[in-house]
Amino acid sequence: MSSILHRFDPIDPTKDTDVPQKFTFPFLYEPHPLAIAAAEQLKNYLDSFANWFYDLNLGPENYEHPLGKMFGVLVVEKTDGALRHLWAYSGVITGTQKDSRFVPLVFNMFSEDSFYAKENSQLDELNQQIDSLKTDASFLKSLKQLLKLEKENELLLYNQRKKHAVLKAARKKEREQALSSFSEEEYQRLIDSHQTQGMHAKFLLKEYKIYLDTKAAPVKEFISKRKKAIEELKTKRKNLSHKLQSWIFEHYKFLNANGEPKSALDLFKNIPPYFPPSGTGDCAAPKLIQYAYLHNLKPIAMAEFWYGESLKSQIRKHGHYYPSCRSKCEPILEHMLEGLEVDDNPLLKNPAEGKDLPIIYEDDYLMAVNKPEEFLSVRGKTIEDSVESRMKKRFPDATGPLIVHRLDMSTSGILVLTKSLEVHKRLQDQFEKRTVKKRYVALLDGIVQDNSGFIDLSLRVDLDNRPFQMVDPVYGKNARTRYEVLERKDGKTRIYFFPITGRTHQLRVHAAHPLGLNCPIMGDDLYGFKKDRLYLHAEQLEFIHPITLQPVILKVPAPF
């Protein structure tokens, strides 16, 4: 335990720093100075390696992803009152943990004679069988052969149909010519003859298709049997994998401060999809707190930070502190922190309390406000106070939805609302058709080299870590932004953003992502570094008035 439990070194900050009275709220926090000191000590340790990722055995030699990892520190109090700290990293390492300075897994499934080892070997066998059937030379040859036959048969049928169509047109022409020269009896016999020929042609075409299908039948039957065998193995693999996952999550038992254990299965049984996500329990925070409880150490403060390269899809800054992920950790940590005094959830506090909401434009049909920063556009899950709720109270006779578009809570600037449903529909149609012109002012943390440009990075929500957005060229929604640099000064860039689309956190991600401008917006607590505010302001909005059809230009200069 001595190598896992770290002293503060070289300077002990505990002598000059007040110990927090409450534990860190893990999903939105400012790291306590003690946690920062512990984190810096861990960072220094990681810096001492020539190749920290492989030296710590954090991935195989053929690891193909960016070399980055989330680390965590936990400041703890021993029974004698002395303060120490623990280290952990997120993720599972298959096999023995190489470095004893980090806390172990909550549950080690990798022992050679464990249920996991036996069942996982069966999974490996199933994977090999599936790959063998899918890559078998005769199967691949049959797939190509069937594709070739289907194309040939399609062409033969097309030519046959074309031939019948020519004969059908000739019969029609013959009937048209006979209409004026044949007797009624002769004409009827001609029609009967043509009907017989038409029926015969359809029969021949049907028989010809059957003949062509029969030629391909043996190949189809072979492929069908092979695909069925593959699907049966996949079903067997899926069931075995689910059984194995259930066993794993049943053995992941998390303690709370009262000493009460709960398995991952229990903690997620009432949360859709009612089963823990893959990797549950392997993040740094649960590992740290579990180890503390098991060794009679009192958790005092915690912090998690990213070390190394950022994932291509996400924005992770080297050395930056991040909150615990919600999808995997929220149910676990809510349980584990029971019995501890924890900082209040900042998300339950109304950030708009005491703030004015000035109206900058109003007529009989619509209005516009200058939304302050840290002010909700619409009601939240726990906070009702918002632009929408305040305007409904101010204009109680307004019908239908009021708000036409939204701004992030942290973004300040122009927000337009309507007084009736009909006006709302007309104005919203302009937003949907992207005819509304929007201009934002931002101050970026870094120097943007080009004077102007265009960013095209598709975005979607990070399902494992809401509300973060991630770049996803496959499943993401189209997101485009034009920009113009206004000023570069003191390592900062003042910039205009002209969003063409309106995705959640679009400007924040486009600014911070390495494939975007690689310069986060100042004060961005999600994708950059927190300051006194987010330096992003919706400065100008242009649209056509939905009733008067006259241009409306609204402008509020940025307060920074």
Protein backbone atom coordinates (compact mmCIF):
# COMPACT_ATOMS: atom_id res chain seq x y z
CA MET A 1 0.00 0.00 0.00
CA SER A 2 2.93 2.34 0.67
CA SER A 3 3.77 2.72 -3.03
CA ILE A 4 0.12 3.45 -3.90
CA LEU A 5 -0.39 5.96 -1.09
CA HIS A 6 1.65 9.03 -2.07
CA ARG A 7 3.08 11.78 0.10
CA PHE A 8 2.92 15.35 -1.11
CA ASP A 9 6.35 16.07 -2.53
CA PRO A 10 8.63 18.01 -2.66
CA ILE A 11 6.72 20.79 -0.91
CA ASP A 12 3.87 19.77 1.35
CA PRO A 13 0.90 22.05 0.47
CA THR A 14 -1.18 20.70 3.33
CA LYS A 15 0.58 23.04 5.79
CA ASP A 16 -0.62 26.21 4.05
CA THR A 17 -3.86 25.02 2.44
CA ASP A 18 -7.20 24.64 4.16
CA VAL A 19 -8.65 21.16 3.91
CA PRO A 20 -12.05 21.24 2.13
CA GLN A 21 -15.03 20.56 4.40
CA LYS A 22 -16.95 18.83 1.62
CA PHE A 23 -15.89 16.37 -1.08
CA THR A 24 -15.70 17.43 -4.73
CA PHE A 25 -18.94 17.33 -6.73
CA PRO A 26 -17.49 15.25 -9.58
CA PHE A 27 -19.58 16.42 -12.53
CA LEU A 28 -18.79 20.15 -12.39
CA TYR A 29 -15.99 21.46 -10.23
CA GLU A 30 -12.97 23.68 -9.85
CA PRO A 31 -10.08 21.50 -8.61
CA HIS A 32 -9.13 22.17 -5.01
CA PRO A 33 -5.49 23.34 -4.52
CA LEU A 34 -4.68 20.04 -2.77
CA ALA A 35 -6.04 18.06 -5.74
CA ILE A 36 -4.06 20.30 -8.10
CA ALA A 37 -0.88 19.67 -6.12
CA ALA A 38 -1.49 15.91 -6.29
CA ALA A 39 -2.23 16.12 -10.02
CA GLU A 40 0.95 18.09 -10.70
CA GLN A 41 2.95 15.45 -8.84
CA LEU A 42 1.40 12.74 -11.04
CA LYS A 43 2.03 14.79 -14.19
CA ASN A 44 5.68 15.14 -13.21
CA TYR A 45 5.88 11.40 -12.77
CA LEU A 46 4.37 10.82 -16.22
CA ASP A 47 6.74 13.40 -17.70
CA SER A 48 9.69 11.34 -16.43
CA PHE A 49 9.01 8.52 -18.90
CA ALA A 50 10.49 8.48 -22.39
CA ASN A 51 7.32 6.80 -23.66
CA TRP A 52 4.79 6.90 -20.83
CA PHE A 53 1.95 5.11 -22.68
CA TYR A 54 3.92 1.96 -23.47
CA ASP A 55 6.21 2.14 -20.45
CA LEU A 56 3.12 1.93 -18.24
CA ASN A 57 1.71 -0.90 -20.36
CA LEU A 58 -1.39 1.11 -21.27
CA GLY A 59 -1.79 -0.48 -24.69
CA PRO A 60 -0.34 -3.09 -27.05
CA GLU A 61 2.53 -2.30 -29.38
CA ASN A 62 0.14 -2.22 -32.34
CA TYR A 63 -2.12 0.33 -30.63
CA GLU A 64 -3.60 2.45 -33.44
CA HIS A 65 -5.35 5.23 -31.49
CA PRO A 66 -3.93 8.56 -30.25
CA LEU A 67 -1.77 8.06 -27.16
CA GLY A 68 -3.89 9.86 -24.59
CA LYS A 69 -5.47 8.81 -21.31
CA MET A 70 -7.66 10.23 -18.53
CA PHE A 71 -5.92 10.19 -15.15
CA GLY A 72 -7.31 10.93 -11.71
CA VAL A 73 -6.03 11.85 -8.25
CA LEU A 74 -7.78 11.51 -4.91
CA VAL A 75 -6.64 13.33 -1.80
CA VAL A 76 -7.37 11.16 1.25
CA GLU A 77 -7.05 11.40 5.01
CA LYS A 78 -5.53 8.55 7.01
CA THR A 79 -6.87 7.50 10.41
CA ASP A 80 -4.08 9.52 12.06
CA GLY A 81 -5.17 12.67 10.19
CA ALA A 82 -2.28 12.73 7.71
CA LEU A 83 -3.14 13.68 4.12
CA ARG A 84 -1.97 11.54 1.21
CA HIS A 85 -3.08 11.07 -2.39
CA LEU A 86 -3.93 8.20 -4.74
CA TRP A 87 -3.46 7.89 -8.51
CA ALA A 88 -5.51 6.10 -11.14
CA TYR A 89 -6.05 5.98 -14.87
CA SER A 90 -9.20 5.17 -16.82
CA GLY A 91 -9.55 1.94 -18.72
CA VAL A 92 -8.73 -1.73 -18.36
CA ILE A 93 -5.32 -3.25 -18.90
CA THR A 94 -5.53 -6.94 -19.79
CA GLY A 95 -3.17 -8.76 -17.49
CA THR A 96 -1.14 -7.72 -14.48
CA GLN A 97 -0.95 -3.99 -13.80
CA LYS A 98 2.67 -3.08 -14.45
CA ASP A 99 2.99 0.01 -12.26
CA SER A 100 2.12 -0.46 -8.58
CA ARG A 101 1.86 3.30 -7.99
CA PHE A 102 -1.69 3.30 -9.38
CA VAL A 103 -4.74 1.87 -7.63
CA PRO A 104 -5.93 -1.46 -9.04
CA LEU A 105 -9.15 -2.36 -10.82
CA VAL A 106 -12.36 -2.46 -8.81
CA PHE A 107 -12.66 -6.06 -9.99
CA ASN A 108 -9.85 -8.00 -11.68
CA MET A 109 -11.39 -10.37 -14.18
CA PHE A 110 -8.12 -11.39 -15.78
CA SER A 111 -6.83 -14.17 -13.53
CA GLU A 112 -5.89 -17.20 -15.60
CA ASP A 113 -8.44 -19.58 -14.06
CA SER A 114 -11.30 -17.06 -13.87
CA PHE A 115 -14.71 -17.43 -15.46
CA TYR A 116 -13.81 -14.49 -17.71
CA ALA A 117 -10.69 -16.20 -19.05
CA LYS A 118 -12.62 -19.37 -19.87
CA GLU A 119 -15.61 -17.64 -21.45
CA ASN A 120 -13.42 -15.14 -23.28
CA SER A 121 -11.47 -18.00 -24.85
CA GLN A 122 -14.81 -19.30 -26.19
CA LEU A 123 -15.52 -15.86 -27.60
CA ASP A 124 -12.14 -15.89 -29.32
CA GLU A 125 -12.96 -19.29 -30.80
CA LEU A 126 -16.31 -18.02 -32.07
CA ASN A 127 -14.64 -14.98 -33.60
CA GLN A 128 -12.14 -17.22 -35.35
CA GLN A 129 -14.92 -19.47 -36.65
CA ILE A 130 -16.88 -16.49 -37.95
CA ASP A 131 -13.81 -14.99 -39.63
CA SER A 132 -12.96 -18.40 -41.13
CA LEU A 133 -16.43 -18.78 -42.66
CA LYS A 134 -16.52 -15.19 -43.92
CA THR A 135 -13.07 -15.31 -45.52
CA ASP A 136 -13.27 -18.87 -46.88
CA ALA A 137 -12.08 -18.91 -50.52
CA SER A 138 -15.08 -20.93 -51.76
CA PHE A 139 -17.51 -18.52 -50.05
CA LEU A 140 -15.84 -15.43 -51.50
CA LYS A 141 -15.72 -17.08 -54.93
CA SER A 142 -19.43 -17.92 -54.70
CA LEU A 143 -20.28 -14.33 -53.78
CA LYS A 144 -18.47 -13.06 -56.86
CA GLN A 145 -20.05 -15.78 -59.00
CA LEU A 146 -23.54 -14.91 -57.80
CA LEU A 147 -22.99 -11.23 -58.42
CA LYS A 148 -21.84 -12.00 -61.95
CA LEU A 149 -24.81 -14.32 -62.60
CA GLU A 150 -27.30 -11.77 -61.29
CA LYS A 151 -25.91 -9.07 -63.58
CA GLU A 152 -25.95 -11.43 -66.58
CA ASN A 153 -29.50 -12.60 -65.80
CA GLU A 154 -30.67 -9.03 -65.37
CA LEU A 155 -29.28 -8.16 -68.81
CA LEU A 156 -30.82 -11.28 -70.45
CA LEU A 157 -34.22 -10.51 -68.92
CA TYR A 158 -33.96 -6.89 -70.00
CA ASN A 159 -33.27 -7.92 -73.62
CA GLN A 160 -36.12 -10.44 -73.52
CA ARG A 161 -38.54 -7.82 -72.18
CA LYS A 162 -37.36 -5.38 -74.82
CA LYS A 163 -38.00 -8.03 -77.55
CA HIS A 164 -41.52 -8.63 -76.22
CA ALA A 165 -42.16 -4.90 -76.06
CA VAL A 166 -41.22 -4.57 -79.77
CA LEU A 167 -43.60 -7.44 -80.68
CA LYS A 168 -46.34 -5.89 -78.52
CA ALA A 169 -45.94 -2.55 -80.30
CA ALA A 170 -46.09 -4.32 -83.67
CA ARG A 171 -49.34 -6.04 -82.70
CA LYS A 172 -50.81 -2.73 -81.61
CA LYS A 173 -49.85 -1.14 -84.94
CA GLU A 174 -51.36 -4.11 -86.80
CA ARG A 175 -54.66 -3.66 -84.94
CA GLU A 176 -54.72 0.06 -85.69
CA GLN A 177 -54.23 -0.62 -89.42
CA ALA A 178 -56.82 -3.43 -89.45
CA LEU A 179 -59.44 -1.31 -87.76
CA SER A 180 -60.39 0.42 -91.04
CA SER A 181 -60.02 -2.55 -93.46
CA PHE A 182 -61.09 -5.68 -91.49
CA SER A 183 -64.63 -6.77 -90.96
CA GLU A 184 -65.89 -6.92 -87.40
CA GLU A 185 -65.48 -10.70 -87.37
CA GLU A 186 -61.96 -10.57 -88.84
CA TYR A 187 -60.97 -7.85 -86.38
CA GLN A 188 -62.22 -9.89 -83.43
CA ARG A 189 -60.22 -12.90 -84.59
CA LEU A 190 -57.13 -10.65 -84.79
CA ILE A 191 -57.70 -9.40 -81.24
CA ASP A 192 -58.11 -12.98 -79.97
CA SER A 193 -54.91 -13.97 -81.74
CA HIS A 194 -53.00 -11.03 -80.25
CA GLN A 195 -54.28 -11.80 -76.75
CA THR A 196 -53.10 -15.39 -77.15
CA GLN A 197 -49.69 -14.17 -78.33
CA GLY A 198 -49.48 -11.74 -75.42
CA MET A 199 -50.33 -14.43 -72.87
CA HIS A 200 -47.83 -16.75 -74.50
CA ALA A 201 -45.15 -14.04 -74.35
CA LYS A 202 -45.80 -13.49 -70.61
CA PHE A 203 -45.64 -17.24 -70.00
CA LEU A 204 -42.36 -17.52 -71.90
CA LEU A 205 -40.89 -14.57 -69.95
CA LYS A 206 -41.93 -16.13 -66.65
CA GLU A 207 -40.49 -19.49 -67.67
CA TYR A 208 -37.29 -17.83 -68.83
CA LYS A 209 -36.90 -16.07 -65.46
CA ILE A 210 -37.43 -19.41 -63.68
CA TYR A 211 -34.78 -20.96 -65.92
CA LEU A 212 -32.29 -18.19 -65.14
CA ASP A 213 -33.03 -18.42 -61.40
CA THR A 214 -32.53 -22.17 -61.55
CA LYS A 215 -29.04 -21.66 -62.98
CA ALA A 216 -28.15 -19.49 -59.99
CA ALA A 217 -29.96 -21.64 -57.40
CA PRO A 218 -27.01 -23.87 -56.36
CA VAL A 219 -24.77 -20.86 -55.74
CA LYS A 220 -27.57 -19.07 -53.84
CA GLU A 221 -28.22 -22.12 -51.71
CA PHE A 222 -24.54 -22.43 -50.79
CA ILE A 223 -24.32 -18.74 -49.88
CA SER A 224 -27.59 -18.89 -47.92
CA LYS A 225 -26.41 -21.86 -45.86
CA ARG A 226 -23.08 -20.18 -45.20
CA LYS A 227 -24.73 -16.90 -44.13
CA LYS A 228 -27.12 -18.81 -41.88
CA ALA A 229 -24.16 -20.57 -40.25
CA ILE A 230 -22.42 -17.21 -39.74
CA GLU A 231 -25.56 -15.65 -38.23
CA GLU A 232 -26.00 -18.62 -35.88
CA LEU A 233 -22.42 -18.18 -34.68
CA LYS A 234 -22.98 -14.42 -34.27
CA THR A 235 -26.10 -15.07 -32.19
CA LYS A 236 -24.17 -17.54 -30.06
CA ARG A 237 -21.38 -14.98 -29.69
CA LYS A 238 -23.86 -12.24 -28.74
CA ASN A 239 -25.51 -14.41 -26.09
CA LEU A 240 -22.15 -15.50 -24.69
CA SER A 241 -20.91 -11.91 -24.67
CA HIS A 242 -24.03 -10.76 -22.81
CA LYS A 243 -23.61 -13.59 -20.31
CA LEU A 244 -19.99 -12.60 -19.80
CA GLN A 245 -20.83 -8.91 -19.45
CA SER A 246 -23.55 -9.74 -16.91
CA TRP A 247 -21.07 -11.80 -14.91
CA ILE A 248 -18.53 -8.98 -14.99
CA PHE A 249 -20.99 -6.28 -13.92
CA GLU A 250 -22.42 -8.52 -11.21
CA HIS A 251 -18.91 -8.76 -9.72
CA TYR A 252 -18.22 -5.01 -10.01
CA LYS A 253 -19.42 -4.14 -6.50
CA PHE A 254 -19.00 -0.52 -5.45
CA LEU A 255 -18.90 0.62 -1.84
CA ASN A 256 -20.21 3.88 -0.45
CA ALA A 257 -19.05 5.75 2.65
CA ASN A 258 -21.48 3.72 4.75
CA GLY A 259 -19.83 0.49 3.63
CA GLU A 260 -22.84 -0.58 1.54
CA PRO A 261 -21.97 -2.50 -1.66
CA LYS A 262 -23.95 -2.37 -4.90
CA SER A 263 -23.17 -4.08 -8.18
CA ALA A 264 -23.06 -2.30 -11.52
CA LEU A 265 -26.09 -4.37 -12.59
CA ASP A 266 -28.09 -3.04 -9.62
CA LEU A 267 -27.00 0.55 -10.20
CA PHE A 268 -28.08 0.56 -13.85
CA LYS A 269 -31.18 -1.65 -13.66
CA ASN A 270 -33.59 1.33 -13.67
CA ILE A 271 -31.68 3.42 -16.23
CA PRO A 272 -32.39 2.81 -19.94
CA PRO A 273 -31.22 0.60 -21.61
CA TYR A 274 -31.16 -1.07 -18.14
CA PHE A 275 -27.68 -2.50 -18.55
CA PRO A 276 -24.28 -0.88 -17.80
CA PRO A 277 -22.37 0.57 -20.78
CA SER A 278 -19.17 -1.15 -21.81
CA GLY A 279 -16.28 -0.06 -19.62
CA THR A 280 -18.46 0.80 -16.62
CA GLY A 281 -16.44 0.90 -13.42
CA ASP A 282 -13.08 1.29 -15.11
CA CYS A 283 -12.90 5.10 -15.02
CA ALA A 284 -10.43 6.69 -12.64
CA ALA A 285 -12.93 8.10 -10.12
CA PRO A 286 -14.64 4.82 -9.08
CA LYS A 287 -11.25 3.07 -8.82
CA LEU A 288 -9.90 5.79 -6.53
CA ILE A 289 -12.88 6.00 -4.19
CA GLN A 290 -13.24 2.20 -3.99
CA TYR A 291 -9.59 1.83 -2.97
CA ALA A 292 -9.99 4.54 -0.33
CA TYR A 293 -13.01 2.83 1.24
CA LEU A 294 -11.34 -0.59 1.21
CA HIS A 295 -8.30 0.80 3.06
CA ASN A 296 -10.06 3.00 5.61
CA LEU A 297 -9.03 6.25 3.90
CA LYS A 298 -11.38 9.24 3.93
CA PRO A 299 -11.87 10.92 0.50
CA ILE A 300 -11.11 14.65 0.76
CA ALA A 301 -10.88 16.03 -2.83
CA MET A 302 -10.62 14.66 -6.35
CA ALA A 303 -9.58 15.81 -9.80
CA GLU A 304 -9.33 14.16 -13.24
CA PHE A 305 -7.19 15.37 -16.13
CA TRP A 306 -6.29 14.38 -19.67
CA TYR A 307 -2.69 13.50 -20.44
CA GLY A 308 -1.31 13.05 -23.95
CA GLU A 309 -2.82 13.32 -27.41
CA SER A 310 -6.50 14.08 -27.91
CA LEU A 311 -8.80 11.57 -29.52
CA LYS A 312 -9.61 12.55 -33.11
CA SER A 313 -13.34 12.80 -32.46
CA GLN A 314 -13.17 14.57 -29.09
CA ILE A 315 -11.50 17.66 -27.73
CA ARG A 316 -9.12 16.81 -24.92
CA LYS A 317 -6.39 19.27 -23.98
CA HIS A 318 -3.18 17.93 -22.48
CA GLY A 319 -3.12 18.61 -18.74
CA HIS A 320 -6.63 20.06 -18.63
CA TYR A 321 -9.07 19.05 -15.88
CA TYR A 322 -12.37 17.42 -16.84
CA PRO A 323 -15.48 16.32 -14.93
CA SER A 324 -16.36 12.67 -14.52
CA CYS A 325 -18.30 11.17 -17.41
CA ARG A 326 -22.02 10.88 -16.82
CA SER A 327 -23.10 7.82 -18.83
CA LYS A 328 -20.79 5.39 -17.02
CA CYS A 329 -19.97 7.18 -13.76
CA GLU A 330 -23.05 9.12 -12.64
CA PRO A 331 -25.07 6.19 -11.22
CA ILE A 332 -21.92 4.70 -9.68
CA LEU A 333 -20.63 7.89 -8.08
CA GLU A 334 -24.07 8.90 -6.81
CA HIS A 335 -24.04 5.64 -4.84
CA MET A 336 -20.37 5.78 -3.83
CA LEU A 337 -20.67 9.32 -2.43
CA GLU A 338 -23.60 8.44 -0.17
CA GLY A 339 -22.48 9.01 3.40
CA LEU A 340 -19.98 11.73 2.41
CA GLU A 341 -20.60 15.45 2.62
CA VAL A 342 -20.34 16.59 -1.01
CA ASP A 343 -20.24 20.07 -2.54
CA ASP A 344 -23.59 21.30 -3.79
CA ASN A 345 -24.44 20.55 -7.41
CA PRO A 346 -23.82 23.87 -9.23
CA LEU A 347 -26.27 22.75 -11.92
CA LEU A 348 -29.11 23.12 -9.39
CA LYS A 349 -28.32 26.80 -8.80
CA ASN A 350 -30.10 29.40 -10.93
CA PRO A 351 -27.30 31.22 -12.82
CA ALA A 352 -29.72 33.96 -13.92
CA GLU A 353 -30.74 34.98 -10.41
CA GLY A 354 -30.49 38.76 -10.02
CA LYS A 355 -29.72 39.34 -13.72
CA ASP A 356 -31.75 41.74 -15.87
CA LEU A 357 -33.04 40.76 -19.31
CA PRO A 358 -33.16 43.95 -21.41
CA ILE A 359 -35.51 44.10 -24.41
CA ILE A 360 -33.71 45.68 -27.37
CA TYR A 361 -36.58 45.50 -29.90
CA GLU A 362 -40.36 45.13 -29.71
CA ASP A 363 -43.41 45.60 -31.93
CA ASP A 364 -46.89 44.05 -32.08
CA TYR A 365 -45.55 40.74 -33.40
CA LEU A 366 -42.14 40.00 -31.96
CA MET A 367 -39.41 41.09 -29.57
CA ALA A 368 -35.67 40.64 -29.09
CA VAL A 369 -33.61 40.56 -25.89
CA ASN A 370 -29.94 40.87 -25.03
CA LYS A 371 -29.39 37.62 -23.12
CA PRO A 372 -26.65 37.83 -20.46
CA GLU A 373 -24.08 35.06 -20.17
CA GLU A 374 -24.97 32.16 -17.85
CA PHE A 375 -28.67 32.57 -18.57
CA LEU A 376 -30.85 29.75 -19.92
CA SER A 377 -32.73 30.31 -23.19
CA VAL A 378 -35.44 27.80 -22.22
CA ARG A 379 -36.33 25.95 -19.03
CA GLY A 380 -33.85 23.37 -17.81
CA LYS A 381 -34.54 20.08 -16.04
CA THR A 382 -34.24 21.66 -12.60
CA ILE A 383 -34.25 25.43 -13.30
CA GLU A 384 -37.33 27.19 -14.64
CA ASP A 385 -35.90 30.73 -14.85
CA SER A 386 -35.05 31.42 -18.50
CA VAL A 387 -35.55 33.90 -21.31
CA GLU A 388 -38.67 32.02 -22.38
CA SER A 389 -40.24 31.86 -18.89
CA ARG A 390 -39.54 35.52 -18.14
CA MET A 391 -41.02 36.68 -21.44
CA LYS A 392 -44.13 34.54 -20.94
CA LYS A 393 -44.65 36.24 -17.58
CA ARG A 394 -44.08 39.65 -19.17
CA PHE A 395 -46.40 38.93 -22.10
CA PRO A 396 -49.07 36.60 -20.65
CA ASP A 397 -51.43 37.13 -23.60
CA ALA A 398 -48.90 35.88 -26.16
CA THR A 399 -50.05 32.61 -27.76
CA GLY A 400 -48.04 29.62 -28.90
CA PRO A 401 -44.27 29.18 -28.46
CA LEU A 402 -42.35 32.39 -27.95
CA ILE A 403 -38.70 31.54 -28.49
CA VAL A 404 -37.59 31.10 -32.12
CA HIS A 405 -33.95 30.02 -31.65
CA ARG A 406 -31.57 29.37 -28.78
CA LEU A 407 -28.21 30.40 -27.43
CA ASP A 408 -26.03 28.25 -25.14
CA MET A 409 -26.48 29.18 -21.50
CA SER A 410 -22.92 30.56 -21.40
CA THR A 411 -23.29 32.62 -24.61
CA SER A 412 -24.57 36.17 -24.44
CA GLY A 413 -26.31 38.19 -27.13
CA ILE A 414 -29.39 38.63 -29.27
CA LEU A 415 -32.33 36.28 -28.89
CA VAL A 416 -35.59 36.74 -30.83
CA LEU A 417 -39.07 35.76 -29.60
CA THR A 418 -42.54 36.06 -31.13
CA LYS A 419 -45.96 36.90 -29.70
CA SER A 420 -48.06 34.45 -31.72
CA LEU A 421 -47.86 30.98 -33.18
CA GLU A 422 -48.36 32.19 -36.77
CA VAL A 423 -45.49 34.70 -36.55
CA HIS A 424 -43.39 32.05 -34.86
CA LYS A 425 -43.90 29.64 -37.77
CA ARG A 426 -43.02 32.28 -40.36
CA LEU A 427 -39.87 33.45 -38.60
CA GLN A 428 -38.75 29.93 -37.72
CA ASP A 429 -39.06 29.04 -41.39
CA GLN A 430 -36.36 31.64 -42.15
CA PHE A 431 -34.06 30.02 -39.58
CA GLU A 432 -34.70 26.55 -41.01
CA LYS A 433 -34.01 27.77 -44.55
CA ARG A 434 -30.85 29.50 -43.25
CA THR A 435 -31.77 32.89 -44.68
CA VAL A 436 -31.22 34.57 -41.30
CA LYS A 437 -27.78 36.17 -41.10
CA LYS A 438 -26.00 35.70 -37.75
CA ARG A 439 -22.74 37.20 -36.58
CA TYR A 440 -20.93 36.30 -33.38
CA VAL A 441 -17.89 37.88 -31.75
CA ALA A 442 -15.46 35.64 -29.88
CA LEU A 443 -12.10 35.93 -28.19
CA LEU A 444 -9.98 32.85 -28.81
CA ASP A 445 -7.18 31.50 -26.64
CA GLY A 446 -4.45 31.32 -29.31
CA ILE A 447 -3.45 32.79 -32.65
CA VAL A 448 -5.45 31.95 -35.77
CA GLN A 449 -3.10 32.13 -38.75
CA ASP A 450 -5.54 32.69 -41.65
CA ASN A 451 -7.42 35.98 -41.89
CA SER A 452 -10.62 34.23 -42.95
CA GLY A 453 -11.83 30.77 -43.75
CA PHE A 454 -14.45 28.08 -43.57
CA ILE A 455 -14.87 25.20 -41.08
CA ASP A 456 -16.81 22.07 -42.01
CA LEU A 457 -16.85 19.50 -39.19
CA SER A 458 -19.92 17.31 -38.64
CA LEU A 459 -21.01 17.05 -35.01
CA ARG A 460 -23.02 14.80 -32.72
CA VAL A 461 -23.48 14.51 -28.98
CA ASP A 462 -20.93 12.42 -27.09
CA LEU A 463 -23.30 9.72 -25.82
CA ASP A 464 -20.84 8.72 -23.10
CA ASN A 465 -20.31 12.25 -21.85
CA ARG A 466 -23.20 14.65 -22.36
CA PRO A 467 -23.37 17.59 -23.03
CA PHE A 468 -20.01 17.38 -24.83
CA GLN A 469 -20.20 17.30 -28.62
CA MET A 470 -17.80 15.34 -30.79
CA VAL A 471 -16.68 15.42 -34.41
CA ASP A 472 -18.13 12.49 -36.36
CA PRO A 473 -17.90 12.56 -40.18
CA VAL A 474 -20.03 9.37 -40.42
CA TYR A 475 -22.93 9.85 -37.99
CA GLY A 476 -22.62 13.54 -37.19
CA LYS A 477 -24.90 16.29 -38.50
CA ASN A 478 -23.56 18.75 -41.04
CA ALA A 479 -22.02 21.77 -39.26
CA ARG A 480 -20.45 24.70 -41.14
CA THR A 481 -18.99 28.02 -39.99
CA ARG A 482 -17.36 30.95 -41.77
CA TYR A 483 -14.96 33.20 -39.86
CA GLU A 484 -13.02 36.48 -40.18
CA VAL A 485 -10.15 37.52 -37.91
CA LEU A 486 -10.52 41.00 -36.42
CA GLU A 487 -7.40 41.31 -34.25
CA ARG A 488 -4.45 39.34 -32.90
CA LYS A 489 -3.03 40.54 -29.61
CA ASP A 490 -1.21 39.09 -26.58
CA GLY A 491 -1.61 35.52 -27.80
CA LYS A 492 -5.36 35.97 -28.33
CA THR A 493 -7.47 36.28 -31.49
CA ARG A 494 -10.61 38.40 -31.74
CA ILE A 495 -12.81 36.92 -34.42
CA TYR A 496 -16.17 37.07 -36.21
CA PHE A 497 -18.08 33.81 -36.56
CA PHE A 498 -20.80 33.47 -39.19
CA PRO A 499 -22.54 30.14 -38.46
CA ILE A 500 -24.24 28.66 -41.52
CA THR A 501 -25.78 25.83 -39.51
CA GLY A 502 -26.86 25.95 -35.89
CA ARG A 503 -25.68 22.81 -34.12
CA THR A 504 -25.24 22.55 -30.36
CA HIS A 505 -21.83 23.94 -29.29
CA GLN A 506 -20.95 24.39 -32.98
CA LEU A 507 -18.79 27.50 -32.59
CA ARG A 508 -17.15 26.18 -29.43
CA VAL A 509 -16.13 22.88 -31.06
CA HIS A 510 -15.14 24.46 -34.38
CA ALA A 511 -12.90 26.88 -32.50
CA ALA A 512 -11.27 24.31 -30.18
CA HIS A 513 -10.93 21.19 -32.34
CA PRO A 514 -7.51 20.52 -33.95
CA LEU A 515 -9.24 20.13 -37.32
CA GLY A 516 -10.94 23.49 -36.78
CA LEU A 517 -9.06 26.54 -35.52
CA ASN A 518 -7.36 24.68 -32.65
CA CYS A 519 -7.92 27.73 -30.45
CA PRO A 520 -10.68 27.32 -27.85
CA ILE A 521 -12.92 30.24 -27.01
CA MET A 522 -11.70 32.03 -23.88
CA GLY A 523 -13.59 30.84 -20.82
CA ASP A 524 -14.90 27.66 -22.45
CA ASP A 525 -15.15 25.28 -19.49
CA LEU A 526 -15.98 22.30 -21.76
CA TYR A 527 -13.46 22.55 -24.58
CA GLY A 528 -10.89 24.97 -23.18
CA PHE A 529 -10.16 26.62 -19.83
CA LYS A 530 -12.68 28.25 -17.53
CA LYS A 531 -12.47 32.03 -16.97
CA ASP A 532 -14.85 34.64 -15.58
CA ARG A 533 -17.19 34.00 -18.56
CA LEU A 534 -17.41 32.43 -22.00
CA TYR A 535 -16.11 35.05 -24.43
CA LEU A 536 -18.73 34.42 -27.11
CA HIS A 537 -21.44 36.92 -27.99
CA ALA A 538 -24.25 36.90 -30.58
CA GLU A 539 -23.68 40.45 -31.79
CA GLN A 540 -25.83 40.86 -34.91
CA LEU A 541 -28.94 39.28 -36.42
CA GLU A 542 -30.59 40.08 -39.77
CA PHE A 543 -33.93 38.72 -41.00
CA ILE A 544 -37.08 39.70 -42.88
CA HIS A 545 -39.94 40.79 -40.65
CA PRO A 546 -42.56 38.02 -41.01
CA ILE A 547 -45.45 40.53 -41.19
CA THR A 548 -44.14 43.80 -42.66
CA LEU A 549 -41.66 41.93 -44.93
CA GLN A 550 -39.12 44.67 -44.22
CA PRO A 551 -35.48 43.91 -43.29
CA VAL A 552 -34.75 43.88 -39.55
CA ILE A 553 -31.17 44.37 -38.40
CA LEU A 554 -30.46 43.95 -34.68
CA LYS A 555 -27.07 44.68 -33.16
CA VAL A 556 -25.67 44.62 -29.63
CA PRO A 557 -21.88 45.17 -29.32
CA ALA A 558 -19.93 42.55 -27.41
CA PRO A 559 -19.34 43.43 -23.74
CA PHE A 560 -15.71 42.32 -23.95
